[in-house]
Amino acid sequence: QVQLVESGGGLVQAGGSLTLSCAASGRILNIIAMGWYRQAPGKQRELVATITSGGSIEYADSMNGLFTNTRNGDQSTVCLQLNSLNPEDTAVYYCNGRYKWLALNTDYWGKGTPVTVSS
């Protein structure tokens, strides 16, 4: 129903910035929220930020003010700007899309884009 493709990951030095993008295709009009999660080696996947189709943005407490999450006008692309990166931000970053059909919500995931922060 929905396909998500991330881009923009890579290697960056501590203190640097990266911008990640996620392009959605398929039945995007039924996507009620898009966002980012990350998973560091040996750790569980955790929320970074989400944005609803109405424009409400939620950040994980530890990341508020450091990252900026935006979504374009036709709701097909979401971008995450990562600022002031440190080695602890090294992880695979996954795009998430929440699809709503009638009373059922379904989460779709991209394959992830790796971010490596060197000290």
Protein backbone atom coordinates (compact mmCIF):
# COMPACT_ATOMS: atom_id res chain seq x y z
CA GLN A 1 0.00 0.00 0.00
CA VAL A 2 2.82 2.38 0.91
CA GLN A 3 6.50 2.38 -0.01
CA LEU A 4 9.08 4.46 1.84
CA VAL A 5 12.60 5.16 0.61
CA GLU A 6 15.18 6.96 2.74
CA SER A 7 18.23 8.85 1.54
CA GLY A 8 20.87 11.20 2.89
CA GLY A 9 22.71 9.09 5.44
CA GLY A 10 26.47 8.87 5.57
CA LEU A 11 29.60 9.65 7.53
CA VAL A 12 29.93 12.98 9.32
CA GLN A 13 32.27 14.39 11.92
CA ALA A 14 31.11 15.25 15.41
CA GLY A 15 29.45 18.64 15.47
CA GLY A 16 28.37 18.36 11.87
CA SER A 17 24.95 18.17 10.26
CA LEU A 18 23.07 15.90 7.89
CA THR A 19 19.67 16.04 6.24
CA LEU A 20 17.75 12.81 5.76
CA SER A 21 14.87 12.51 3.32
CA CYS A 22 12.09 9.97 2.99
CA ALA A 23 9.95 9.71 -0.11
CA ALA A 24 6.59 8.00 0.16
CA SER A 25 4.70 6.46 -2.74
CA GLY A 26 1.53 4.46 -3.10
CA ARG A 27 -1.59 5.42 -1.19
CA ILE A 28 -0.03 8.45 0.48
CA LEU A 29 -3.35 10.22 1.04
CA ASN A 30 -4.09 7.66 3.75
CA ILE A 31 -0.85 8.36 5.61
CA ILE A 32 -1.79 10.21 8.80
CA ALA A 33 1.75 10.62 10.14
CA MET A 34 5.32 10.22 8.95
CA GLY A 35 8.41 10.19 11.05
CA TRP A 36 11.81 8.89 11.95
CA TYR A 37 13.10 6.24 14.28
CA ARG A 38 16.65 5.13 14.83
CA GLN A 39 18.37 1.99 16.01
CA ALA A 40 21.92 2.01 17.30
CA PRO A 41 23.96 -1.20 17.43
CA GLY A 42 22.80 -3.37 20.30
CA LYS A 43 19.92 -1.08 21.18
CA GLN A 44 16.19 -0.98 20.58
CA ARG A 45 14.63 1.15 17.91
CA GLU A 46 13.62 4.53 19.33
CA LEU A 47 11.53 7.47 18.22
CA VAL A 48 13.31 10.53 16.82
CA ALA A 49 10.42 12.65 15.51
CA THR A 50 7.05 12.38 13.84
CA ILE A 51 4.82 14.82 11.96
CA THR A 52 1.11 14.38 11.35
CA SER A 53 -0.77 15.26 8.19
CA GLY A 54 -2.12 18.24 10.16
CA GLY A 55 1.41 19.49 10.83
CA SER A 56 1.76 18.53 14.49
CA ILE A 57 5.34 17.57 15.29
CA GLU A 58 6.53 15.39 18.13
CA TYR A 59 10.18 14.97 19.08
CA ALA A 60 11.74 12.55 21.49
CA ASP A 61 12.60 14.55 24.61
CA SER A 62 16.34 14.08 24.23
CA MET A 63 16.31 15.25 20.62
CA ASN A 64 14.09 18.31 20.82
CA GLY A 65 15.95 21.35 19.61
CA LEU A 66 18.65 19.36 17.88
CA PHE A 67 16.75 17.92 14.97
CA THR A 68 14.14 19.48 12.69
CA ASN A 69 11.41 17.41 11.07
CA THR A 70 9.45 18.77 8.11
CA ARG A 71 6.98 17.45 5.57
CA ASN A 72 6.32 18.89 2.12
CA GLY A 73 3.04 20.28 0.88
CA ASP A 74 1.76 17.20 -0.93
CA GLN A 75 2.64 15.07 2.09
CA SER A 76 4.88 12.78 0.03
CA THR A 77 8.28 13.63 1.52
CA VAL A 78 9.52 14.08 5.05
CA CYS A 79 12.95 15.47 5.93
CA LEU A 80 14.93 15.30 9.12
CA GLN A 81 17.73 17.76 9.69
CA LEU A 82 20.27 16.47 12.18
CA ASN A 83 22.36 19.15 13.86
CA SER A 84 25.24 19.12 16.32
CA LEU A 85 25.75 15.41 15.80
CA ASN A 86 27.82 13.38 18.24
CA PRO A 87 29.02 9.76 18.08
CA GLU A 88 26.04 8.66 20.20
CA ASP A 89 23.80 9.60 17.25
CA THR A 90 25.37 6.84 15.16
CA ALA A 91 22.52 4.55 14.12
CA VAL A 92 20.40 3.35 11.26
CA TYR A 93 17.61 5.87 10.75
CA TYR A 94 14.28 4.48 9.59
CA CYS A 95 11.39 6.30 8.00
CA ASN A 96 7.97 5.39 9.33
CA GLY A 97 4.57 6.00 7.79
CA ARG A 98 1.32 5.37 9.66
CA TYR A 99 -1.42 4.38 7.26
CA LYS A 100 -5.05 4.64 8.27
CA TRP A 101 -7.87 2.77 6.59
CA LEU A 102 -11.24 2.82 8.33
CA ALA A 103 -10.45 2.02 11.97
CA LEU A 104 -7.17 0.23 11.30
CA ASN A 105 -3.72 1.82 11.56
CA THR A 106 -0.76 0.11 9.88
CA ASP A 107 2.89 1.12 10.23
CA TYR A 108 5.10 0.97 7.15
CA TRP A 109 8.89 1.17 7.30
CA GLY A 110 11.68 2.03 4.95
CA LYS A 111 14.84 -0.06 4.80
CA GLY A 112 16.81 2.52 6.74
CA THR A 113 19.75 4.79 6.03
CA PRO A 114 22.90 4.56 8.16
CA VAL A 115 24.37 7.58 9.90
CA THR A 116 27.89 7.34 11.32
CA VAL A 117 29.32 10.15 13.43
CA SER A 118 33.07 10.11 13.95
CA SER A 119 34.74 11.72 16.93
